[in-house]
Amino acid sequence: MKLDPRDHPWMTAAPTRAVMSALESNEDRTRFVGGAVRNALLRVPVIDVDIATQFTPDEVIRRLAATQLRAVATGIEHGTVTAIADGTAFEVTSLRRDVETFGRRAVVAYTTDWKEDALRRDFTMNALYASADGTLFDYFTGLEDVAARRVRFIGDAGQRIREDYLRILRFFRFYACYGRGVPDAAAISACVAERQGLKLLSGERVQKELLLLLQAENPVPVLTLMQENGIVQELLPGEMQIPRLDRLIGIERAMGVAPDALLRFAALLPDSTAQARGIAQALRLSNEARDRLVAAAEKDQRIGGSMQKALAKELLYRSGVEKFHDQLLLNWAGSGASPEDANWRDIFLLMQSWKIPLLPIDGTDVMTLGIPEGPEIGVRLREAEQWWIEQDFAADRMQLLERLRDAVRKPR
C-alpha cells in the first residue's frame, strides 16, 4: 500500500523535497512518520510534517548544512533536530529505543531498527512510516486501526502510560479527534488504573492536551467518558458543566463560529472568577488566556436574548467585543435557549455587524474650556461620554463640545 504523492501536496512541496533530499540515500534511511502519515490516510489536513531517520543528530545537522538548510537543535537531547527550509519547519528525529523510563521522561539510545523506534511510540496509528515515494511501513496493525478509526496503544497499554502519563490525555484527545465506535477496552482500563500519574505532569503539558481535545469537532462524548472514569477529577476541581458546553457547540454550529478551545474550556468551568484564576495558574495559562478565562467567568447577567439593543451597544463599547462575545455565548448556552432563538441571534448579529465608535473628544478638549488639570477633567469627560452613549453614539465632535461648554457654564 502506498500514498500517492500526487494526492498529497505536502509530500511534493519544495521545502519537504529539500529536507528529504538532504537526508535521503538509496538505503531507505529516512521516512515520514506519525501525524502526517496518519492524517493523509484519514484525508484530514496535514499540519506538521515529522521525519524519522537512521542518521544520528550530528549526521542530520551535517547533511542539512551541506545542502544550505538551517538546522536548529531544538530537542537534541531527545534526538530531535528542527530543519528549516524556505521558512517551513520539520522535526527530524533519529530512530530511538527506550533504555529507561520515568513516567515523564526517558533515557534513550539511538538505533537503526525501524520496529524498535515504532515500539516506543504511543498509538498504532502514530507508528506509521512512509518513504518519500509514499511506500507505507506498518509494524503494529496501524493501517487496520486507522481504517477502523480505532485508537489503540502499542503493546501493553499500562506500560505505555507509565512511560509517560500524558498518554492518558493523548488517548482521549485522539479518540475525540480520530476515533469512532466503542473505545478500546484495554486502553480505558489502563487509563483508569494509572490516572493518579496525571498529578506528576506539569501544568503546561496538561493545558496543551486539554485545549487540543476541546478543539475537536465535538469533545462532549469524550469528556463525559473522562468524567465517568475519574480522569477529569484528577485535573480539575468541581463538576464540569458538560451540558453547557454541549449547548455552546450547538450555538457555534448554528452561528458559523469556529471552535474556540478557551471559550469551550470556560463553558466547562464554574462561574467563579476565583476558580478560573486558580485553574489558569495551575495550568500555567498565558496572562492573556488567564485574563480571558477570568473575564468569561464574571457572567454579566445583563447580557441576554431579551436585552435592549441600546444596552448591548453600551456594553460592547465599554467591555470590548471579545468579553461581550464570550459572555453572550456562555449566557446563551447557560440559558437553555435554542441555537435558533431569534432574540439571542439578533444580539449576536448586532455584535458582529456594529462597529464600535471612538469617543470624538478627549481630556485636552475639556482643559481648553477652562477646566484645570486634575480629577474634574475625568468627571467632565465621563459625563459627556455617557450623554453620547445615551444619544446612541450619534452626536458628533461639535455637538459633544457644545455639550461640554454648556456643562462648564453651569455651576456645580
Protein backbone atom coordinates (compact mmCIF):
# COMPACT_ATOMS: atom_id res chain seq x y z
CA MET A 1 0.00 0.00 0.00
CA LYS A 2 1.25 3.47 -0.87
CA LEU A 3 0.38 7.12 -0.54
CA ASP A 4 0.34 8.70 -3.97
CA PRO A 5 2.41 11.90 -3.65
CA ARG A 6 0.27 13.47 -6.38
CA ASP A 7 -2.69 13.34 -3.99
CA HIS A 8 -0.77 14.85 -1.07
CA PRO A 9 0.82 18.22 -1.82
CA TRP A 10 2.70 18.26 1.49
CA MET A 11 4.82 15.38 0.15
CA THR A 12 5.81 17.20 -3.03
CA ALA A 13 6.14 20.75 -1.66
CA ALA A 14 9.56 22.27 -2.33
CA PRO A 15 10.55 22.58 1.37
CA THR A 16 9.63 18.92 2.00
CA ARG A 17 11.59 17.75 -1.01
CA ALA A 18 14.60 19.82 0.07
CA VAL A 19 14.76 18.26 3.53
CA MET A 20 14.09 14.73 2.34
CA SER A 21 16.71 15.07 -0.40
CA ALA A 22 19.29 16.19 2.15
CA LEU A 23 18.57 13.16 4.32
CA GLU A 24 17.81 10.57 1.67
CA SER A 25 20.01 7.85 0.32
CA ASN A 26 19.46 4.73 -1.70
CA GLU A 27 19.29 2.71 1.52
CA ASP A 28 15.89 3.84 2.88
CA ARG A 29 17.40 5.78 5.76
CA THR A 30 14.72 8.48 6.16
CA ARG A 31 10.90 8.36 6.25
CA PHE A 32 7.87 10.47 7.11
CA VAL A 33 6.34 9.39 10.39
CA GLY A 34 3.37 9.88 12.68
CA GLY A 35 0.71 12.52 12.26
CA ALA A 36 1.38 13.45 8.66
CA VAL A 37 1.05 9.82 7.54
CA ARG A 38 -1.99 9.21 9.74
CA ASN A 39 -3.78 12.36 8.58
CA ALA A 40 -3.01 11.66 4.95
CA LEU A 41 -4.63 8.25 5.28
CA LEU A 42 -7.63 9.76 7.07
CA ARG A 43 -7.92 12.52 4.45
CA VAL A 44 -7.73 15.28 7.04
CA PRO A 45 -5.39 18.29 6.78
CA VAL A 46 -1.71 17.66 7.43
CA ILE A 47 -0.42 20.44 9.68
CA ASP A 48 3.08 19.32 10.69
CA VAL A 49 5.41 17.01 8.83
CA ASP A 50 7.66 14.94 11.09
CA ILE A 51 10.55 12.89 9.79
CA ALA A 52 12.34 9.88 11.25
CA THR A 53 15.83 8.88 10.21
CA GLN A 54 18.51 6.30 10.91
CA PHE A 55 21.10 9.08 10.91
CA THR A 56 22.27 10.41 14.28
CA PRO A 57 21.58 14.08 15.12
CA ASP A 58 25.18 15.07 14.31
CA GLU A 59 24.88 13.47 10.88
CA VAL A 60 21.48 15.11 10.33
CA ILE A 61 22.98 18.53 11.10
CA ARG A 62 25.94 17.85 8.82
CA ARG A 63 23.73 16.76 5.92
CA LEU A 64 21.39 19.73 6.28
CA ALA A 65 24.32 22.16 6.37
CA ALA A 66 25.78 20.54 3.27
CA THR A 67 22.65 21.49 1.34
CA GLN A 68 22.45 25.01 2.83
CA LEU A 69 19.48 24.17 5.04
CA ARG A 70 19.26 25.55 8.54
CA ALA A 71 19.36 23.12 11.47
CA VAL A 72 18.21 24.04 14.99
CA ALA A 73 18.98 21.73 17.91
CA THR A 74 15.54 22.12 19.47
CA GLY A 75 15.45 18.71 21.16
CA ILE A 76 18.94 17.39 20.65
CA GLU A 77 18.88 15.55 23.99
CA HIS A 78 15.96 13.52 22.63
CA GLY A 79 17.48 13.09 19.19
CA THR A 80 15.42 15.81 17.51
CA VAL A 81 16.73 18.46 15.15
CA THR A 82 14.46 21.04 13.51
CA ALA A 83 15.21 21.52 9.83
CA ILE A 84 14.18 24.83 8.27
CA ALA A 85 13.53 25.02 4.53
CA ASP A 86 12.02 28.16 2.97
CA GLY A 87 10.65 29.14 6.38
CA THR A 88 8.97 25.76 6.95
CA ALA A 89 10.00 23.71 9.99
CA PHE A 90 10.35 19.93 10.05
CA GLU A 91 11.13 17.93 13.17
CA VAL A 92 13.74 15.34 12.27
CA THR A 93 14.20 12.67 14.94
CA SER A 94 16.78 9.91 14.95
CA LEU A 95 15.43 6.40 15.49
CA ARG A 96 15.46 5.61 19.21
CA ARG A 97 14.81 2.88 21.71
CA ASP A 98 13.99 3.40 25.38
CA VAL A 99 16.70 2.39 27.82
CA GLU A 100 14.88 3.58 30.94
CA THR A 101 11.60 5.46 31.53
CA PHE A 102 10.43 7.58 34.46
CA GLY A 103 6.77 8.33 33.75
CA ARG A 104 7.59 11.78 32.38
CA ARG A 105 10.89 11.34 30.56
CA ALA A 106 13.11 8.58 29.24
CA VAL A 107 16.74 7.69 28.67
CA VAL A 108 17.05 6.71 25.02
CA ALA A 109 19.66 5.18 22.78
CA TYR A 110 19.89 5.53 19.02
CA THR A 111 19.08 2.59 16.80
CA THR A 112 18.76 1.79 13.11
CA ASP A 113 15.87 -0.61 13.69
CA TRP A 114 12.57 0.89 12.47
CA LYS A 115 10.49 -1.53 14.52
CA GLU A 116 12.37 -0.62 17.70
CA ASP A 117 11.58 3.02 17.03
CA ALA A 118 7.93 2.21 16.37
CA LEU A 119 7.74 0.24 19.61
CA ARG A 120 8.40 3.32 21.74
CA ARG A 121 5.56 5.33 20.14
CA ASP A 122 2.15 5.61 21.78
CA PHE A 123 -0.61 4.51 19.39
CA THR A 124 -0.62 2.19 16.43
CA MET A 125 -1.96 4.95 14.18
CA ASN A 126 1.03 7.12 15.13
CA ALA A 127 3.61 4.43 14.35
CA LEU A 128 3.13 4.50 10.58
CA TYR A 129 6.02 5.45 8.31
CA ALA A 130 6.13 6.46 4.66
CA SER A 131 9.11 6.79 2.36
CA ALA A 132 9.47 9.76 0.03
CA ASP A 133 7.72 7.83 -2.75
CA GLY A 134 4.76 7.02 -0.47
CA THR A 135 5.57 3.39 0.40
CA LEU A 136 3.96 2.64 3.77
CA PHE A 137 5.53 0.73 6.64
CA ASP A 138 3.35 -0.64 9.44
CA TYR A 139 4.74 -2.66 12.34
CA PHE A 140 1.71 -2.81 14.67
CA THR A 141 -1.50 -3.01 12.61
CA GLY A 142 -1.69 0.77 12.39
CA LEU A 143 -3.22 0.69 8.90
CA GLU A 144 -6.02 -1.54 10.12
CA ASP A 145 -6.65 0.71 13.13
CA VAL A 146 -6.66 3.87 11.01
CA ALA A 147 -9.22 2.31 8.68
CA ALA A 148 -11.40 1.38 11.66
CA ARG A 149 -10.79 4.74 13.40
CA ARG A 150 -9.59 2.76 16.41
CA VAL A 151 -7.20 4.40 18.89
CA ARG A 152 -5.10 1.64 20.39
CA PHE A 153 -1.87 1.62 22.38
CA ILE A 154 1.13 -0.24 21.03
CA GLY A 155 1.77 -3.31 23.15
CA ASP A 156 0.79 -3.18 26.81
CA ALA A 157 -1.31 -0.05 27.42
CA GLY A 158 -0.33 0.24 31.07
CA GLN A 159 3.36 0.11 30.24
CA ARG A 160 2.97 2.73 27.52
CA ILE A 161 1.21 5.03 30.01
CA ARG A 162 3.78 4.53 32.76
CA GLU A 163 6.43 5.60 30.25
CA ASP A 164 4.65 8.97 30.02
CA TYR A 165 1.43 9.69 31.90
CA LEU A 166 0.50 12.38 29.39
CA ARG A 167 -0.50 9.49 27.16
CA ILE A 168 -3.72 9.19 29.18
CA LEU A 169 -4.80 12.61 27.93
CA ARG A 170 -3.44 11.91 24.47
CA PHE A 171 -5.57 8.79 24.28
CA PHE A 172 -8.77 10.73 24.99
CA ARG A 173 -7.73 13.57 22.70
CA PHE A 174 -7.00 11.19 19.81
CA TYR A 175 -10.25 9.36 20.43
CA ALA A 176 -12.12 12.69 20.30
CA CYS A 177 -10.38 13.74 17.08
CA TYR A 178 -10.00 10.47 15.18
CA GLY A 179 -11.85 7.69 17.00
CA ARG A 180 -15.13 6.03 16.14
CA GLY A 181 -17.27 3.45 17.87
CA VAL A 182 -16.61 1.91 21.26
CA PRO A 183 -13.25 2.95 22.74
CA ASP A 184 -10.59 0.30 23.16
CA ALA A 185 -11.32 -1.54 26.43
CA ALA A 186 -7.67 -2.22 27.28
CA ALA A 187 -6.85 1.46 26.82
CA ILE A 188 -9.70 2.65 29.04
CA SER A 189 -8.80 0.12 31.74
CA ALA A 190 -5.15 1.21 31.74
CA CYS A 191 -6.05 4.94 31.78
CA VAL A 192 -8.26 4.40 34.84
CA ALA A 193 -5.69 2.27 36.63
CA GLU A 194 -2.88 4.78 36.04
CA ARG A 195 -4.85 8.04 36.33
CA GLN A 196 -3.14 9.23 39.52
CA GLY A 197 0.02 9.60 37.47
CA LEU A 198 -1.57 12.66 35.88
CA LYS A 199 -0.63 14.59 39.01
CA LEU A 200 3.04 14.20 38.05
CA LEU A 201 2.56 16.22 34.86
CA SER A 202 3.36 19.89 34.52
CA GLY A 203 0.53 22.36 34.07
CA GLU A 204 1.86 23.35 30.65
CA ARG A 205 1.65 19.80 29.30
CA VAL A 206 -1.83 19.26 30.70
CA GLN A 207 -3.24 22.52 29.37
CA LYS A 208 -1.88 21.84 25.89
CA GLU A 209 -3.62 18.46 25.70
CA LEU A 210 -6.87 19.74 27.23
CA LEU A 211 -7.10 22.63 24.78
CA LEU A 212 -6.31 20.36 21.83
CA LEU A 213 -9.04 17.98 22.99
CA LEU A 214 -11.51 20.85 23.30
CA GLN A 215 -10.67 21.88 19.74
CA ALA A 216 -12.15 18.60 18.44
CA GLU A 217 -15.36 18.90 16.46
CA ASN A 218 -17.40 17.53 19.37
CA PRO A 219 -15.44 16.71 22.54
CA VAL A 220 -18.55 16.22 24.68
CA PRO A 221 -18.82 12.39 24.46
CA VAL A 222 -15.13 12.01 25.32
CA LEU A 223 -15.29 14.49 28.20
CA THR A 224 -18.29 12.59 29.53
CA LEU A 225 -16.30 9.37 29.27
CA MET A 226 -13.38 11.00 31.09
CA GLN A 227 -15.65 12.22 33.88
CA GLU A 228 -17.34 8.85 34.27
CA ASN A 229 -13.93 7.20 34.64
CA GLY A 230 -12.48 9.68 37.13
CA ILE A 231 -9.93 11.18 34.73
CA VAL A 232 -11.05 14.81 34.82
CA GLN A 233 -11.27 14.77 38.62
CA GLU A 234 -7.50 14.30 38.71
CA LEU A 235 -7.06 17.53 36.74
CA LEU A 236 -9.83 20.00 37.56
CA PRO A 237 -11.75 20.85 40.73
CA GLY A 238 -15.54 20.65 40.88
CA GLU A 239 -18.08 19.27 38.45
CA MET A 240 -17.71 20.07 34.77
CA GLN A 241 -20.66 21.83 33.14
CA ILE A 242 -20.82 19.45 30.20
CA PRO A 243 -24.45 20.30 29.26
CA ARG A 244 -23.49 23.97 28.87
CA LEU A 245 -20.55 23.02 26.66
CA ASP A 246 -22.84 20.83 24.57
CA ARG A 247 -25.24 23.74 24.01
CA LEU A 248 -22.33 26.09 23.25
CA ILE A 249 -21.15 23.75 20.49
CA GLY A 250 -24.68 23.76 19.05
CA ILE A 251 -24.66 27.57 19.04
CA GLU A 252 -21.22 27.64 17.38
CA ARG A 253 -22.51 25.47 14.57
CA ALA A 254 -25.74 27.42 14.14
CA MET A 255 -23.95 30.77 14.01
CA GLY A 256 -20.97 29.63 11.94
CA VAL A 257 -18.48 30.25 14.75
CA ALA A 258 -15.19 28.35 14.58
CA PRO A 259 -14.42 26.11 17.58
CA ASP A 260 -12.71 28.12 20.30
CA ALA A 261 -10.92 25.87 22.79
CA LEU A 262 -10.52 28.50 25.51
CA LEU A 263 -14.17 29.57 25.38
CA ARG A 264 -15.21 25.91 25.46
CA PHE A 265 -12.98 25.48 28.50
CA ALA A 266 -14.72 28.45 30.15
CA ALA A 267 -18.09 26.80 29.42
CA LEU A 268 -16.96 23.70 31.32
CA LEU A 269 -15.87 25.58 34.44
CA PRO A 270 -17.99 27.01 37.27
CA ASP A 271 -18.88 30.71 37.00
CA SER A 272 -16.30 31.70 39.60
CA THR A 273 -13.54 34.19 38.88
CA ALA A 274 -11.55 32.84 41.81
CA GLN A 275 -11.70 29.28 40.47
CA ALA A 276 -10.94 30.45 36.94
CA ARG A 277 -7.88 32.31 38.20
CA GLY A 278 -6.72 29.29 40.23
CA ILE A 279 -7.16 26.88 37.33
CA ALA A 280 -5.35 29.26 34.97
CA GLN A 281 -2.45 29.40 37.40
CA ALA A 282 -2.35 25.63 37.90
CA LEU A 283 -2.34 25.04 34.14
CA ARG A 284 0.19 27.82 33.54
CA LEU A 285 -2.00 29.63 31.03
CA SER A 286 -0.58 32.75 29.46
CA ASN A 287 -1.57 36.07 31.05
CA GLU A 288 -3.81 36.80 28.06
CA ALA A 289 -5.58 33.45 28.31
CA ARG A 290 -5.91 33.78 32.09
CA ASP A 291 -7.49 37.22 31.81
CA ARG A 292 -9.93 36.00 29.19
CA LEU A 293 -10.93 32.97 31.28
CA VAL A 294 -11.48 35.15 34.35
CA ALA A 295 -13.48 37.74 32.38
CA ALA A 296 -15.69 35.00 30.92
CA ALA A 297 -16.43 33.72 34.43
CA GLU A 298 -17.79 37.10 35.55
CA LYS A 299 -21.16 36.22 33.99
CA ASP A 300 -22.77 39.60 33.36
CA GLN A 301 -26.49 38.85 33.79
CA ARG A 302 -27.44 41.92 31.74
CA ILE A 303 -26.21 40.17 28.59
CA GLY A 304 -29.03 38.07 27.22
CA GLY A 305 -31.54 37.49 24.47
CA SER A 306 -34.05 39.95 25.95
CA MET A 307 -31.64 42.87 26.34
CA GLN A 308 -32.31 46.10 24.51
CA LYS A 309 -30.03 46.91 21.62
CA ALA A 310 -29.03 50.19 23.25
CA LEU A 311 -27.71 48.30 26.29
CA ALA A 312 -25.95 45.79 24.03
CA LYS A 313 -24.15 48.63 22.27
CA GLU A 314 -23.17 50.25 25.56
CA LEU A 315 -21.75 47.00 26.94
CA LEU A 316 -19.95 46.30 23.68
CA TYR A 317 -18.45 49.79 23.82
CA ARG A 318 -17.39 49.52 27.45
CA SER A 319 -16.16 45.91 27.57
CA GLY A 320 -14.97 45.29 24.01
CA VAL A 321 -16.04 42.64 21.52
CA GLU A 322 -14.11 39.71 22.99
CA LYS A 323 -15.52 39.94 26.51
CA PHE A 324 -19.03 40.64 25.25
CA HIS A 325 -18.78 37.78 22.74
CA ASP A 326 -17.63 35.29 25.37
CA GLN A 327 -20.27 36.23 27.90
CA LEU A 328 -23.02 36.35 25.28
CA LEU A 329 -22.29 32.82 24.08
CA LEU A 330 -21.84 31.45 27.61
CA ASN A 331 -25.06 33.07 28.83
CA TRP A 332 -26.89 31.83 25.75
CA ALA A 333 -25.62 28.29 26.32
CA GLY A 334 -26.40 28.52 30.03
CA SER A 335 -29.94 29.76 29.42
CA GLY A 336 -31.01 26.58 27.64
CA ALA A 337 -32.38 28.66 24.76
CA SER A 338 -32.30 27.07 21.32
CA PRO A 339 -29.50 27.98 18.89
CA GLU A 340 -32.34 29.13 16.64
CA ASP A 341 -33.75 31.57 19.22
CA ALA A 342 -34.42 34.80 17.31
CA ASN A 343 -33.72 37.18 20.21
CA TRP A 344 -30.30 35.72 21.03
CA ARG A 345 -29.42 35.59 17.34
CA ASP A 346 -30.32 39.27 16.89
CA ILE A 347 -27.95 40.29 19.68
CA PHE A 348 -25.22 38.07 18.24
CA LEU A 349 -25.67 39.57 14.76
CA LEU A 350 -25.62 43.09 16.22
CA MET A 351 -22.31 42.28 17.89
CA GLN A 352 -20.91 41.07 14.56
CA SER A 353 -22.11 43.99 12.46
CA TRP A 354 -21.84 47.04 14.74
CA LYS A 355 -18.53 48.89 14.58
CA ILE A 356 -17.61 50.25 18.00
CA PRO A 357 -17.06 54.02 17.63
CA LEU A 358 -14.32 56.11 19.23
CA LEU A 359 -15.26 58.99 21.51
CA PRO A 360 -14.57 62.11 19.38
CA ILE A 361 -13.26 64.21 22.31
CA ASP A 362 -10.58 63.80 24.95
CA GLY A 363 -9.20 65.44 28.06
CA THR A 364 -7.42 68.14 26.08
CA ASP A 365 -10.81 69.40 24.86
CA VAL A 366 -12.01 69.66 28.46
CA MET A 367 -8.93 71.62 29.52
CA THR A 368 -9.38 74.01 26.58
CA LEU A 369 -12.73 75.02 28.09
CA GLY A 370 -11.01 76.19 31.25
CA ILE A 371 -11.08 73.15 33.48
CA PRO A 372 -7.74 72.94 35.31
CA GLU A 373 -5.67 69.77 35.22
CA GLY A 374 -6.96 67.37 37.84
CA PRO A 375 -9.70 64.82 38.56
CA GLU A 376 -12.51 67.08 37.32
CA ILE A 377 -11.30 66.57 33.76
CA GLY A 378 -12.14 62.90 34.01
CA VAL A 379 -15.50 63.64 35.61
CA ARG A 380 -16.49 66.06 32.84
CA LEU A 381 -15.28 63.69 30.14
CA ARG A 382 -17.22 60.75 31.56
CA GLU A 383 -20.39 62.85 31.80
CA ALA A 384 -20.07 63.84 28.16
CA GLU A 385 -19.33 60.25 27.18
CA GLN A 386 -22.42 58.95 28.99
CA TRP A 387 -24.58 61.54 27.20
CA TRP A 388 -23.02 60.48 23.87
CA ILE A 389 -23.85 56.84 24.62
CA GLU A 390 -27.44 57.78 25.50
CA GLN A 391 -27.69 59.52 22.12
CA ASP A 392 -26.92 56.12 20.52
CA PHE A 393 -23.36 57.32 19.77
CA ALA A 394 -24.82 59.64 17.11
CA ALA A 395 -23.54 63.02 18.40
CA ASP A 396 -20.51 64.30 16.52
CA ARG A 397 -17.49 66.16 17.86
CA MET A 398 -19.06 69.63 17.54
CA GLN A 399 -22.19 68.51 19.40
CA LEU A 400 -20.09 66.99 22.17
CA LEU A 401 -18.01 70.14 22.52
CA GLU A 402 -21.18 72.22 22.76
CA ARG A 403 -22.48 69.84 25.41
CA LEU A 404 -19.23 70.29 27.33
CA ARG A 405 -19.42 74.11 27.09
CA ASP A 406 -22.97 74.10 28.45
CA ALA A 407 -21.94 71.85 31.31
CA VAL A 408 -18.93 74.01 32.20
CA ARG A 409 -21.06 77.20 32.25
CA LYS A 410 -23.48 75.72 34.77
CA PRO A 411 -22.44 76.00 38.42
CA ARG A 412 -21.96 72.59 40.09
